[in-house]
Amino acid sequence: MTFMSNIKTEMSLLEEDAFALTQAALEISQAQEANDEKRLAAALDYNLQLWVGIRTLVERDENPLPAEVKENLSRLSHFVAHKTFEMQDGSNDKTLEALANTNLQIAEGLLEGKRA
């Protein structure tokens, strides 16, 4: 069993979600800093997959989140998708930073919600 496997088995679902969003943000930032277009494309694809998953979960009728939270997460998911597809014509530093910051802020919110 690897170190990461040990960490993952001890994390709650919210912590796993926060971790995944943080990892995606870091990968976007590192690919941007390295000016590695192939790595950046993979990072953006992974991030988009995370947000499609988030949207799918929050739009389920049985999701217990308050309607306002569900709506905000759904809107953020659409924002991420829109910005990701916009970058097909070339990456934009401000957009990449916005995507990474969105992930970090949501991850922080998930962890704060868990503590509350």
PDB file of N, CA and C in Angstrom:
ATOM      1  N   MET A   1       0.842  -1.179   0.000  1.00  0.00           N
ATOM      2  CA  MET A   1       0.000   0.000   0.000  1.00  0.00           C
ATOM      3  C   MET A   1       0.890   1.246   0.000  1.00  0.00           C
ATOM      4  N   THR A   2       0.566   2.199  -0.840  1.00  0.00           N
ATOM      5  CA  THR A   2       1.384   3.403  -0.952  1.00  0.00           C
ATOM      6  C   THR A   2       0.981   4.430   0.089  1.00  0.00           C
ATOM      7  N   PHE A   3       1.828   5.423   0.240  1.00  0.00           N
ATOM      8  CA  PHE A   3       1.556   6.507   1.168  1.00  0.00           C
ATOM      9  C   PHE A   3       0.226   7.182   0.848  1.00  0.00           C
ATOM     10  N   MET A   4      -0.011   7.472  -0.451  1.00  0.00           N
ATOM     11  CA  MET A   4      -1.255   8.140  -0.843  1.00  0.00           C
ATOM     12  C   MET A   4      -2.460   7.258  -0.564  1.00  0.00           C
ATOM     13  N   SER A   5      -2.322   5.964  -0.720  1.00  0.00           N
ATOM     14  CA  SER A   5      -3.432   5.055  -0.421  1.00  0.00           C
ATOM     15  C   SER A   5      -3.785   5.127   1.052  1.00  0.00           C
ATOM     16  N   ASN A   6      -2.773   5.190   1.910  1.00  0.00           N
ATOM     17  CA  ASN A   6      -3.014   5.305   3.350  1.00  0.00           C
ATOM     18  C   ASN A   6      -3.753   6.591   3.679  1.00  0.00           C
ATOM     19  N   ILE A   7      -3.355   7.675   3.055  1.00  0.00           N
ATOM     20  CA  ILE A   7      -4.019   8.953   3.297  1.00  0.00           C
ATOM     21  C   ILE A   7      -5.469   8.881   2.830  1.00  0.00           C
ATOM     22  N   LYS A   8      -5.681   8.353   1.637  1.00  0.00           N
ATOM     23  CA  LYS A   8      -7.021   8.331   1.062  1.00  0.00           C
ATOM     24  C   LYS A   8      -7.989   7.501   1.902  1.00  0.00           C
ATOM     25  N   THR A   9      -7.534   6.391   2.479  1.00  0.00           N
ATOM     26  CA  THR A   9      -8.439   5.554   3.258  1.00  0.00           C
ATOM     27  C   THR A   9      -8.861   6.231   4.551  1.00  0.00           C
ATOM     28  N   GLU A  10      -8.105   7.216   4.993  1.00  0.00           N
ATOM     29  CA  GLU A  10      -8.418   7.905   6.231  1.00  0.00           C
ATOM     30  C   GLU A  10      -9.189   9.206   5.997  1.00  0.00           C
ATOM     31  N   MET A  11      -9.472   9.542   4.751  1.00  0.00           N
ATOM     32  CA  MET A  11     -10.175  10.782   4.445  1.00  0.00           C
ATOM     33  C   MET A  11     -11.674  10.530   4.280  1.00  0.00           C
ATOM     34  N   SER A  12     -12.453  11.536   4.674  1.00  0.00           N
ATOM     35  CA  SER A  12     -13.890  11.479   4.438  1.00  0.00           C
ATOM     36  C   SER A  12     -14.149  11.819   2.975  1.00  0.00           C
ATOM     37  N   LEU A  13     -15.373  11.628   2.540  1.00  0.00           N
ATOM     38  CA  LEU A  13     -15.738  11.950   1.162  1.00  0.00           C
ATOM     39  C   LEU A  13     -15.496  13.433   0.863  1.00  0.00           C
ATOM     40  N   LEU A  14     -15.855  14.313   1.787  1.00  0.00           N
ATOM     41  CA  LEU A  14     -15.617  15.742   1.583  1.00  0.00           C
ATOM     42  C   LEU A  14     -14.129  16.043   1.477  1.00  0.00           C
ATOM     43  N   GLU A  15     -13.339  15.391   2.314  1.00  0.00           N
ATOM     44  CA  GLU A  15     -11.894  15.595   2.260  1.00  0.00           C
ATOM     45  C   GLU A  15     -11.322  15.085   0.943  1.00  0.00           C
ATOM     46  N   GLU A  16     -11.828  13.968   0.458  1.00  0.00           N
ATOM     47  CA  GLU A  16     -11.381  13.443  -0.836  1.00  0.00           C
ATOM     48  C   GLU A  16     -11.716  14.419  -1.956  1.00  0.00           C
ATOM     49  N   ASP A  17     -12.917  14.987  -1.904  1.00  0.00           N
ATOM     50  CA  ASP A  17     -13.312  15.969  -2.919  1.00  0.00           C
ATOM     51  C   ASP A  17     -12.413  17.202  -2.862  1.00  0.00           C
ATOM     52  N   ALA A  18     -12.158  17.693  -1.655  1.00  0.00           N
ATOM     53  CA  ALA A  18     -11.286  18.855  -1.480  1.00  0.00           C
ATOM     54  C   ALA A  18      -9.876  18.543  -1.975  1.00  0.00           C
ATOM     55  N   PHE A  19      -9.404  17.348  -1.693  1.00  0.00           N
ATOM     56  CA  PHE A  19      -8.078  16.924  -2.140  1.00  0.00           C
ATOM     57  C   PHE A  19      -8.013  16.877  -3.664  1.00  0.00           C
ATOM     58  N   ALA A  20      -9.028  16.307  -4.303  1.00  0.00           N
ATOM     59  CA  ALA A  20      -9.049  16.208  -5.767  1.00  0.00           C
ATOM     60  C   ALA A  20      -9.053  17.591  -6.411  1.00  0.00           C
ATOM     61  N   LEU A  21      -9.845  18.501  -5.866  1.00  0.00           N
ATOM     62  CA  LEU A  21      -9.891  19.863  -6.407  1.00  0.00           C
ATOM     63  C   LEU A  21      -8.552  20.572  -6.218  1.00  0.00           C
ATOM     64  N   THR A  22      -7.929  20.357  -5.067  1.00  0.00           N
ATOM     65  CA  THR A  22      -6.629  20.971  -4.796  1.00  0.00           C
ATOM     66  C   THR A  22      -5.565  20.407  -5.732  1.00  0.00           C
ATOM     67  N   GLN A  23      -5.568  19.100  -5.922  1.00  0.00           N
ATOM     68  CA  GLN A  23      -4.612  18.467  -6.827  1.00  0.00           C
ATOM     69  C   GLN A  23      -4.779  19.003  -8.248  1.00  0.00           C
ATOM     70  N   ALA A  24      -6.026  19.148  -8.693  1.00  0.00           N
ATOM     71  CA  ALA A  24      -6.277  19.673 -10.039  1.00  0.00           C
ATOM     72  C   ALA A  24      -5.765  21.104 -10.158  1.00  0.00           C
ATOM     73  N   ALA A  25      -5.997  21.915  -9.128  1.00  0.00           N
ATOM     74  CA  ALA A  25      -5.513  23.302  -9.136  1.00  0.00           C
ATOM     75  C   ALA A  25      -3.989  23.346  -9.212  1.00  0.00           C
ATOM     76  N   LEU A  26      -3.339  22.494  -8.429  1.00  0.00           N
ATOM     77  CA  LEU A  26      -1.874  22.452  -8.441  1.00  0.00           C
ATOM     78  C   LEU A  26      -1.334  22.006  -9.806  1.00  0.00           C
ATOM     79  N   GLU A  27      -1.988  21.034 -10.388  1.00  0.00           N
ATOM     80  CA  GLU A  27      -1.533  20.542 -11.691  1.00  0.00           C
ATOM     81  C   GLU A  27      -1.687  21.618 -12.768  1.00  0.00           C
ATOM     82  N   ILE A  28      -2.786  22.352 -12.726  1.00  0.00           N
ATOM     83  CA  ILE A  28      -2.976  23.463 -13.672  1.00  0.00           C
ATOM     84  C   ILE A  28      -1.862  24.495 -13.491  1.00  0.00           C
ATOM     85  N   SER A  29      -1.617  24.873 -12.240  1.00  0.00           N
ATOM     86  CA  SER A  29      -0.592  25.888 -11.952  1.00  0.00           C
ATOM     87  C   SER A  29       0.802  25.422 -12.349  1.00  0.00           C
ATOM     88  N   GLN A  30       1.136  24.178 -12.032  1.00  0.00           N
ATOM     89  CA  GLN A  30       2.463  23.665 -12.358  1.00  0.00           C
ATOM     90  C   GLN A  30       2.662  23.542 -13.866  1.00  0.00           C
ATOM     91  N   ALA A  31       1.640  23.110 -14.571  1.00  0.00           N
ATOM     92  CA  ALA A  31       1.731  23.009 -16.034  1.00  0.00           C
ATOM     93  C   ALA A  31       1.886  24.395 -16.652  1.00  0.00           C
ATOM     94  N   GLN A  32       1.172  25.354 -16.092  1.00  0.00           N
ATOM     95  CA  GLN A  32       1.267  26.733 -16.571  1.00  0.00           C
ATOM     96  C   GLN A  32       2.684  27.270 -16.341  1.00  0.00           C
ATOM     97  N   GLU A  33       3.205  27.072 -15.144  1.00  0.00           N
ATOM     98  CA  GLU A  33       4.549  27.557 -14.821  1.00  0.00           C
ATOM     99  C   GLU A  33       5.612  26.894 -15.691  1.00  0.00           C
ATOM    100  N   ALA A  34       5.425  25.611 -15.987  1.00  0.00           N
ATOM    101  CA  ALA A  34       6.389  24.877 -16.810  1.00  0.00           C
ATOM    102  C   ALA A  34       6.209  25.170 -18.297  1.00  0.00           C
ATOM    103  N   ASN A  35       5.140  25.895 -18.621  1.00  0.00           N
ATOM    104  CA  ASN A  35       4.809  26.195 -20.013  1.00  0.00           C
ATOM    105  C   ASN A  35       4.716  24.906 -20.839  1.00  0.00           C
ATOM    106  N   ASP A  36       4.091  23.902 -20.237  1.00  0.00           N
ATOM    107  CA  ASP A  36       3.963  22.579 -20.843  1.00  0.00           C
ATOM    108  C   ASP A  36       2.522  22.411 -21.334  1.00  0.00           C
ATOM    109  N   GLU A  37       2.321  22.643 -22.630  1.00  0.00           N
ATOM    110  CA  GLU A  37       0.975  22.619 -23.206  1.00  0.00           C
ATOM    111  C   GLU A  37       0.294  21.251 -23.095  1.00  0.00           C
ATOM    112  N   LYS A  38       1.059  20.191 -23.274  1.00  0.00           N
ATOM    113  CA  LYS A  38       0.488  18.843 -23.184  1.00  0.00           C
ATOM    114  C   LYS A  38       0.039  18.546 -21.750  1.00  0.00           C
ATOM    115  N   ARG A  39       0.874  18.885 -20.799  1.00  0.00           N
ATOM    116  CA  ARG A  39       0.526  18.692 -19.383  1.00  0.00           C
ATOM    117  C   ARG A  39      -0.665  19.568 -19.004  1.00  0.00           C
ATOM    118  N   LEU A  40      -0.682  20.793 -19.515  1.00  0.00           N
ATOM    119  CA  LEU A  40      -1.780  21.702 -19.238  1.00  0.00           C
ATOM    120  C   LEU A  40      -3.093  21.161 -19.799  1.00  0.00           C
ATOM    121  N   ALA A  41      -3.053  20.639 -21.009  1.00  0.00           N
ATOM    122  CA  ALA A  41      -4.266  20.069 -21.605  1.00  0.00           C
ATOM    123  C   ALA A  41      -4.790  18.914 -20.755  1.00  0.00           C
ATOM    124  N   ALA A  42      -3.888  18.064 -20.268  1.00  0.00           N
ATOM    125  CA  ALA A  42      -4.295  16.948 -19.415  1.00  0.00           C
ATOM    126  C   ALA A  42      -4.865  17.453 -18.089  1.00  0.00           C
ATOM    127  N   ALA A  43      -4.251  18.482 -17.529  1.00  0.00           N
ATOM    128  CA  ALA A  43      -4.731  19.049 -16.265  1.00  0.00           C
ATOM    129  C   ALA A  43      -6.113  19.670 -16.432  1.00  0.00           C
ATOM    130  N   LEU A  44      -6.306  20.376 -17.531  1.00  0.00           N
ATOM    131  CA  LEU A  44      -7.607  20.998 -17.783  1.00  0.00           C
ATOM    132  C   LEU A  44      -8.682  19.943 -18.033  1.00  0.00           C
ATOM    133  N   ASP A  45      -8.326  18.876 -18.719  1.00  0.00           N
ATOM    134  CA  ASP A  45      -9.271  17.795 -18.958  1.00  0.00           C
ATOM    135  C   ASP A  45      -9.694  17.147 -17.640  1.00  0.00           C
ATOM    136  N   TYR A  46      -8.718  16.867 -16.788  1.00  0.00           N
ATOM    137  CA  TYR A  46      -9.018  16.275 -15.471  1.00  0.00           C
ATOM    138  C   TYR A  46      -9.907  17.213 -14.657  1.00  0.00           C
ATOM    139  N   ASN A  47      -9.571  18.490 -14.670  1.00  0.00           N
ATOM    140  CA  ASN A  47     -10.361  19.466 -13.924  1.00  0.00           C
ATOM    141  C   ASN A  47     -11.795  19.527 -14.444  1.00  0.00           C
ATOM    142  N   LEU A  48     -11.929  19.507 -15.754  1.00  0.00           N
ATOM    143  CA  LEU A  48     -13.268  19.522 -16.355  1.00  0.00           C
ATOM    144  C   LEU A  48     -14.062  18.283 -15.935  1.00  0.00           C
ATOM    145  N   GLN A  49     -13.406  17.131 -15.923  1.00  0.00           N
ATOM    146  CA  GLN A  49     -14.076  15.904 -15.490  1.00  0.00           C
ATOM    147  C   GLN A  49     -14.550  16.018 -14.034  1.00  0.00           C
ATOM    148  N   LEU A  50     -13.725  16.608 -13.183  1.00  0.00           N
ATOM    149  CA  LEU A  50     -14.131  16.802 -11.783  1.00  0.00           C
ATOM    150  C   LEU A  50     -15.391  17.658 -11.698  1.00  0.00           C
ATOM    151  N   TRP A  51     -15.396  18.740 -12.454  1.00  0.00           N
ATOM    152  CA  TRP A  51     -16.528  19.657 -12.381  1.00  0.00           C
ATOM    153  C   TRP A  51     -17.792  19.098 -13.024  1.00  0.00           C
ATOM    154  N   VAL A  52     -17.649  18.286 -14.050  1.00  0.00           N
ATOM    155  CA  VAL A  52     -18.824  17.609 -14.623  1.00  0.00           C
ATOM    156  C   VAL A  52     -19.387  16.655 -13.578  1.00  0.00           C
ATOM    157  N   GLY A  53     -18.503  15.972 -12.862  1.00  0.00           N
ATOM    158  CA  GLY A  53     -18.943  15.089 -11.780  1.00  0.00           C
ATOM    159  C   GLY A  53     -19.652  15.846 -10.677  1.00  0.00           C
ATOM    160  N   ILE A  54     -19.120  17.003 -10.311  1.00  0.00           N
ATOM    161  CA  ILE A  54     -19.753  17.832  -9.278  1.00  0.00           C
ATOM    162  C   ILE A  54     -21.139  18.246  -9.741  1.00  0.00           C
ATOM    163  N   ARG A  55     -21.242  18.719 -10.973  1.00  0.00           N
ATOM    164  CA  ARG A  55     -22.547  19.149 -11.489  1.00  0.00           C
ATOM    165  C   ARG A  55     -23.540  17.991 -11.505  1.00  0.00           C
ATOM    166  N   THR A  56     -23.081  16.827 -11.905  1.00  0.00           N
ATOM    167  CA  THR A  56     -23.953  15.646 -11.938  1.00  0.00           C
ATOM    168  C   THR A  56     -24.480  15.328 -10.549  1.00  0.00           C
ATOM    169  N   LEU A  57     -23.607  15.390  -9.558  1.00  0.00           N
ATOM    170  CA  LEU A  57     -24.024  15.078  -8.186  1.00  0.00           C
ATOM    171  C   LEU A  57     -24.962  16.122  -7.607  1.00  0.00           C
ATOM    172  N   VAL A  58     -24.677  17.396  -7.826  1.00  0.00           N
ATOM    173  CA  VAL A  58     -25.514  18.422  -7.210  1.00  0.00           C
ATOM    174  C   VAL A  58     -26.870  18.556  -7.887  1.00  0.00           C
ATOM    175  N   GLU A  59     -26.974  18.115  -9.125  1.00  0.00           N
ATOM    176  CA  GLU A  59     -28.253  18.238  -9.821  1.00  0.00           C
ATOM    177  C   GLU A  59     -29.185  17.059  -9.577  1.00  0.00           C
ATOM    178  N   ARG A  60     -28.729  16.079  -8.831  1.00  0.00           N
ATOM    179  CA  ARG A  60     -29.599  14.945  -8.484  1.00  0.00           C
ATOM    180  C   ARG A  60     -30.655  15.403  -7.486  1.00  0.00           C
ATOM    181  N   ASP A  61     -31.868  14.926  -7.679  1.00  0.00           N
ATOM    182  CA  ASP A  61     -32.979  15.295  -6.799  1.00  0.00           C
ATOM    183  C   ASP A  61     -32.730  14.904  -5.353  1.00  0.00           C
ATOM    184  N   GLU A  62     -32.069  13.772  -5.143  1.00  0.00           N
ATOM    185  CA  GLU A  62     -31.863  13.290  -3.782  1.00  0.00           C
ATOM    186  C   GLU A  62     -30.678  13.959  -3.076  1.00  0.00           C
ATOM    187  N   ASN A  63     -29.989  14.877  -3.745  1.00  0.00           N
ATOM    188  CA  ASN A  63     -28.866  15.571  -3.119  1.00  0.00           C
ATOM    189  C   ASN A  63     -29.398  16.449  -1.988  1.00  0.00           C
ATOM    190  N   PRO A  64     -28.843  16.298  -0.767  1.00  0.00           N
ATOM    191  CA  PRO A  64     -29.369  17.019   0.394  1.00  0.00           C
ATOM    192  C   PRO A  64     -28.893  18.462   0.547  1.00  0.00           C
ATOM    193  N   LEU A  65     -28.017  18.917  -0.330  1.00  0.00           N
ATOM    194  CA  LEU A  65     -27.526  20.285  -0.207  1.00  0.00           C
ATOM    195  C   LEU A  65     -28.663  21.290  -0.385  1.00  0.00           C
ATOM    196  N   PRO A  66     -28.545  22.440   0.272  1.00  0.00           N
ATOM    197  CA  PRO A  66     -29.538  23.496   0.054  1.00  0.00           C
ATOM    198  C   PRO A  66     -29.562  23.919  -1.420  1.00  0.00           C
ATOM    199  N   ALA A  67     -30.722  24.316  -1.882  1.00  0.00           N
ATOM    200  CA  ALA A  67     -30.904  24.690  -3.294  1.00  0.00           C
ATOM    201  C   ALA A  67     -29.913  25.764  -3.735  1.00  0.00           C
ATOM    202  N   GLU A  68     -29.642  26.732  -2.878  1.00  0.00           N
ATOM    203  CA  GLU A  68     -28.719  27.819  -3.232  1.00  0.00           C
ATOM    204  C   GLU A  68     -27.297  27.287  -3.453  1.00  0.00           C
ATOM    205  N   VAL A  69     -26.857  26.372  -2.626  1.00  0.00           N
ATOM    206  CA  VAL A  69     -25.525  25.780  -2.768  1.00  0.00           C
ATOM    207  C   VAL A  69     -25.459  24.960  -4.057  1.00  0.00           C
ATOM    208  N   LYS A  70     -26.510  24.179  -4.296  1.00  0.00           N
ATOM    209  CA  LYS A  70     -26.560  23.379  -5.518  1.00  0.00           C
ATOM    210  C   LYS A  70     -26.498  24.270  -6.752  1.00  0.00           C
ATOM    211  N   GLU A  71     -27.239  25.355  -6.732  1.00  0.00           N
ATOM    212  CA  GLU A  71     -27.254  26.285  -7.862  1.00  0.00           C
ATOM    213  C   GLU A  71     -25.876  26.930  -8.061  1.00  0.00           C
ATOM    214  N   ASN A  72     -25.243  27.339  -6.970  1.00  0.00           N
ATOM    215  CA  ASN A  72     -23.914  27.953  -7.069  1.00  0.00           C
ATOM    216  C   ASN A  72     -22.886  26.978  -7.633  1.00  0.00           C
ATOM    217  N   LEU A  73     -22.908  25.734  -7.166  1.00  0.00           N
ATOM    218  CA  LEU A  73     -21.968  24.738  -7.671  1.00  0.00           C
ATOM    219  C   LEU A  73     -22.244  24.406  -9.138  1.00  0.00           C
ATOM    220  N   SER A  74     -23.491  24.365  -9.499  1.00  0.00           N
ATOM    221  CA  SER A  74     -23.844  24.117 -10.903  1.00  0.00           C
ATOM    222  C   SER A  74     -23.354  25.258 -11.784  1.00  0.00           C
ATOM    223  N   ARG A  75     -23.525  26.491 -11.323  1.00  0.00           N
ATOM    224  CA  ARG A  75     -23.039  27.653 -12.081  1.00  0.00           C
ATOM    225  C   ARG A  75     -21.520  27.636 -12.211  1.00  0.00           C
ATOM    226  N   LEU A  76     -20.831  27.295 -11.120  1.00  0.00           N
ATOM    227  CA  LEU A  76     -19.376  27.201 -11.176  1.00  0.00           C
ATOM    228  C   LEU A  76     -18.934  26.133 -12.165  1.00  0.00           C
ATOM    229  N   SER A  77     -19.652  25.032 -12.198  1.00  0.00           N
ATOM    230  CA  SER A  77     -19.337  23.967 -13.135  1.00  0.00           C
ATOM    231  C   SER A  77     -19.465  24.460 -14.577  1.00  0.00           C
ATOM    232  N   HIS A  78     -20.513  25.207 -14.848  1.00  0.00           N
ATOM    233  CA  HIS A  78     -20.693  25.771 -16.191  1.00  0.00           C
ATOM    234  C   HIS A  78     -19.582  26.777 -16.509  1.00  0.00           C
ATOM    235  N   PHE A  79     -19.188  27.569 -15.516  1.00  0.00           N
ATOM    236  CA  PHE A  79     -18.090  28.532 -15.680  1.00  0.00           C
ATOM    237  C   PHE A  79     -16.804  27.800 -16.045  1.00  0.00           C
ATOM    238  N   VAL A  80     -16.489  26.741 -15.296  1.00  0.00           N
ATOM    239  CA  VAL A  80     -15.270  25.971 -15.559  1.00  0.00           C
ATOM    240  C   VAL A  80     -15.302  25.380 -16.971  1.00  0.00           C
ATOM    241  N   ALA A  81     -16.426  24.802 -17.343  1.00  0.00           N
ATOM    242  CA  ALA A  81     -16.539  24.215 -18.681  1.00  0.00           C
ATOM    243  C   ALA A  81     -16.361  25.290 -19.756  1.00  0.00           C
ATOM    244  N   HIS A  82     -17.038  26.410 -19.587  1.00  0.00           N
ATOM    245  CA  HIS A  82     -16.951  27.502 -20.560  1.00  0.00           C
ATOM    246  C   HIS A  82     -15.513  27.995 -20.706  1.00  0.00           C
ATOM    247  N   LYS A  83     -14.858  28.241 -19.582  1.00  0.00           N
ATOM    248  CA  LYS A  83     -13.487  28.754 -19.617  1.00  0.00           C
ATOM    249  C   LYS A  83     -12.520  27.722 -20.195  1.00  0.00           C
ATOM    250  N   THR A  84     -12.750  26.458 -19.886  1.00  0.00           N
ATOM    251  CA  THR A  84     -11.883  25.401 -20.417  1.00  0.00           C
ATOM    252  C   THR A  84     -12.007  25.327 -21.936  1.00  0.00           C
ATOM    253  N   PHE A  85     -13.233  25.343 -22.440  1.00  0.00           N
ATOM    254  CA  PHE A  85     -13.440  25.272 -23.887  1.00  0.00           C
ATOM    255  C   PHE A  85     -12.937  26.536 -24.592  1.00  0.00           C
ATOM    256  N   GLU A  86     -13.013  27.659 -23.907  1.00  0.00           N
ATOM    257  CA  GLU A  86     -12.500  28.914 -24.448  1.00  0.00           C
ATOM    258  C   GLU A  86     -11.007  28.822 -24.736  1.00  0.00           C
ATOM    259  N   MET A  87     -10.298  28.037 -23.957  1.00  0.00           N
ATOM    260  CA  MET A  87      -8.842  27.958 -24.083  1.00  0.00           C
ATOM    261  C   MET A  87      -8.384  27.032 -25.198  1.00  0.00           C
ATOM    262  N   GLN A  88      -9.297  26.500 -25.966  1.00  0.00           N
ATOM    263  CA  GLN A  88      -8.901  25.683 -27.112  1.00  0.00           C
ATOM    264  C   GLN A  88      -8.121  26.508 -28.129  1.00  0.00           C
ATOM    265  N   ASP A  89      -8.351  27.806 -28.108  1.00  0.00           N
ATOM    266  CA  ASP A  89      -7.639  28.705 -29.020  1.00  0.00           C
ATOM    267  C   ASP A  89      -6.335  29.215 -28.414  1.00  0.00           C
ATOM    268  N   GLY A  90      -5.954  28.702 -27.264  1.00  0.00           N
ATOM    269  CA  GLY A  90      -4.728  29.122 -26.580  1.00  0.00           C
ATOM    270  C   GLY A  90      -5.017  29.481 -25.143  1.00  0.00           C
ATOM    271  N   SER A  91      -4.082  29.130 -24.276  1.00  0.00           N
ATOM    272  CA  SER A  91      -4.294  29.367 -22.853  1.00  0.00           C
ATOM    273  C   SER A  91      -4.113  30.840 -22.510  1.00  0.00           C
ATOM    274  N   ASN A  92      -4.738  31.215 -21.449  1.00  0.00           N
ATOM    275  CA  ASN A  92      -4.722  32.577 -20.953  1.00  0.00           C
ATOM    276  C   ASN A  92      -4.361  32.503 -19.475  1.00  0.00           C
ATOM    277  N   ASP A  93      -3.306  33.194 -19.069  1.00  0.00           N
ATOM    278  CA  ASP A  93      -2.841  33.112 -17.684  1.00  0.00           C
ATOM    279  C   ASP A  93      -3.918  33.479 -16.672  1.00  0.00           C
ATOM    280  N   LYS A  94      -4.679  34.529 -16.956  1.00  0.00           N
ATOM    281  CA  LYS A  94      -5.721  34.947 -16.006  1.00  0.00           C
ATOM    282  C   LYS A  94      -6.811  33.889 -15.884  1.00  0.00           C
ATOM    283  N   THR A  95      -7.171  33.269 -16.976  1.00  0.00           N
ATOM    284  CA  THR A  95      -8.195  32.222 -16.946  1.00  0.00           C
ATOM    285  C   THR A  95      -7.687  31.011 -16.182  1.00  0.00           C
ATOM    286  N   LEU A  96      -6.443  30.632 -16.421  1.00  0.00           N
ATOM    287  CA  LEU A  96      -5.863  29.494 -15.700  1.00  0.00           C
ATOM    288  C   LEU A  96      -5.819  29.763 -14.200  1.00  0.00           C
ATOM    289  N   GLU A  97      -5.439  30.978 -13.841  1.00  0.00           N
ATOM    290  CA  GLU A  97      -5.413  31.346 -12.431  1.00  0.00           C
ATOM    291  C   GLU A  97      -6.820  31.326 -11.838  1.00  0.00           C
ATOM    292  N   ALA A  98      -7.798  31.771 -12.598  1.00  0.00           N
ATOM    293  CA  ALA A  98      -9.185  31.762 -12.121  1.00  0.00           C
ATOM    294  C   ALA A  98      -9.669  30.332 -11.888  1.00  0.00           C
ATOM    295  N   LEU A  99      -9.332  29.427 -12.795  1.00  0.00           N
ATOM    296  CA  LEU A  99      -9.738  28.032 -12.636  1.00  0.00           C
ATOM    297  C   LEU A  99      -9.080  27.416 -11.400  1.00  0.00           C
ATOM    298  N   ALA A 100      -7.789  27.633 -11.243  1.00  0.00           N
ATOM    299  CA  ALA A 100      -7.083  27.086 -10.077  1.00  0.00           C
ATOM    300  C   ALA A 100      -7.628  27.688  -8.784  1.00  0.00           C
ATOM    301  N   ASN A 101      -7.862  28.986  -8.766  1.00  0.00           N
ATOM    302  CA  ASN A 101      -8.384  29.644  -7.564  1.00  0.00           C
ATOM    303  C   ASN A 101      -9.799  29.183  -7.231  1.00  0.00           C
ATOM    304  N   THR A 102     -10.609  28.948  -8.250  1.00  0.00           N
ATOM    305  CA  THR A 102     -11.962  28.432  -8.017  1.00  0.00           C
ATOM    306  C   THR A 102     -11.882  27.090  -7.294  1.00  0.00           C
ATOM    307  N   ASN A 103     -11.014  26.220  -7.778  1.00  0.00           N
ATOM    308  CA  ASN A 103     -10.845  24.904  -7.142  1.00  0.00           C
ATOM    309  C   ASN A 103     -10.405  25.058  -5.692  1.00  0.00           C
ATOM    310  N   LEU A 104      -9.424  25.916  -5.460  1.00  0.00           N
ATOM    311  CA  LEU A 104      -8.904  26.083  -4.101  1.00  0.00           C
ATOM    312  C   LEU A 104      -9.952  26.659  -3.160  1.00  0.00           C
ATOM    313  N   GLN A 105     -10.737  27.593  -3.651  1.00  0.00           N
ATOM    314  CA  GLN A 105     -11.777  28.191  -2.808  1.00  0.00           C
ATOM    315  C   GLN A 105     -12.871  27.184  -2.475  1.00  0.00           C
ATOM    316  N   ILE A 106     -13.264  26.364  -3.438  1.00  0.00           N
ATOM    317  CA  ILE A 106     -14.290  25.354  -3.175  1.00  0.00           C
ATOM    318  C   ILE A 106     -13.734  24.284  -2.242  1.00  0.00           C
ATOM    319  N   ALA A 107     -12.489  23.882  -2.439  1.00  0.00           N
ATOM    320  CA  ALA A 107     -11.866  22.910  -1.548  1.00  0.00           C
ATOM    321  C   ALA A 107     -11.827  23.439  -0.116  1.00  0.00           C
ATOM    322  N   GLU A 108     -11.468  24.690   0.035  1.00  0.00           N
ATOM    323  CA  GLU A 108     -11.439  25.312   1.356  1.00  0.00           C
ATOM    324  C   GLU A 108     -12.838  25.347   1.962  1.00  0.00           C
ATOM    325  N   GLY A 109     -13.822  25.679   1.147  1.00  0.00           N
ATOM    326  CA  GLY A 109     -15.208  25.693   1.626  1.00  0.00           C
ATOM    327  C   GLY A 109     -15.682  24.320   2.074  1.00  0.00           C
ATOM    328  N   LEU A 110     -15.304  23.295   1.339  1.00  0.00           N
ATOM    329  CA  LEU A 110     -15.678  21.925   1.729  1.00  0.00           C
ATOM    330  C   LEU A 110     -15.076  21.575   3.082  1.00  0.00           C
ATOM    331  N   LEU A 111     -13.820  21.925   3.279  1.00  0.00           N
ATOM    332  CA  LEU A 111     -13.154  21.601   4.538  1.00  0.00           C
ATOM    333  C   LEU A 111     -13.704  22.431   5.694  1.00  0.00           C
ATOM    334  N   GLU A 112     -14.028  23.692   5.433  1.00  0.00           N
ATOM    335  CA  GLU A 112     -14.619  24.534   6.478  1.00  0.00           C
ATOM    336  C   GLU A 112     -16.000  24.022   6.859  1.00  0.00           C
ATOM    337  N   GLY A 113     -16.761  23.579   5.857  1.00  0.00           N
ATOM    338  CA  GLY A 113     -18.092  23.018   6.120  1.00  0.00           C
ATOM    339  C   GLY A 113     -18.005  21.760   6.960  1.00  0.00           C
ATOM    340  N   LYS A 114     -16.970  20.976   6.746  1.00  0.00           N
ATOM    341  CA  LYS A 114     -16.786  19.751   7.515  1.00  0.00           C
ATOM    342  C   LYS A 114     -16.468  20.082   8.970  1.00  0.00           C
ATOM    343  N   ARG A 115     -15.684  21.133   9.176  1.00  0.00           N
ATOM    344  CA  ARG A 115     -15.310  21.519  10.544  1.00  0.00           C
ATOM    345  C   ARG A 115     -16.484  22.113  11.318  1.00  0.00           C
ATOM    346  N   ALA A 116     -17.407  22.731  10.589  1.00  0.00           N
ATOM    347  CA  ALA A 116     -18.542  23.419  11.244  1.00  0.00           C
ATOM    348  C   ALA A 116     -19.556  22.473  11.821  1.00  0.00           C
TER     349      ALA A 116
END
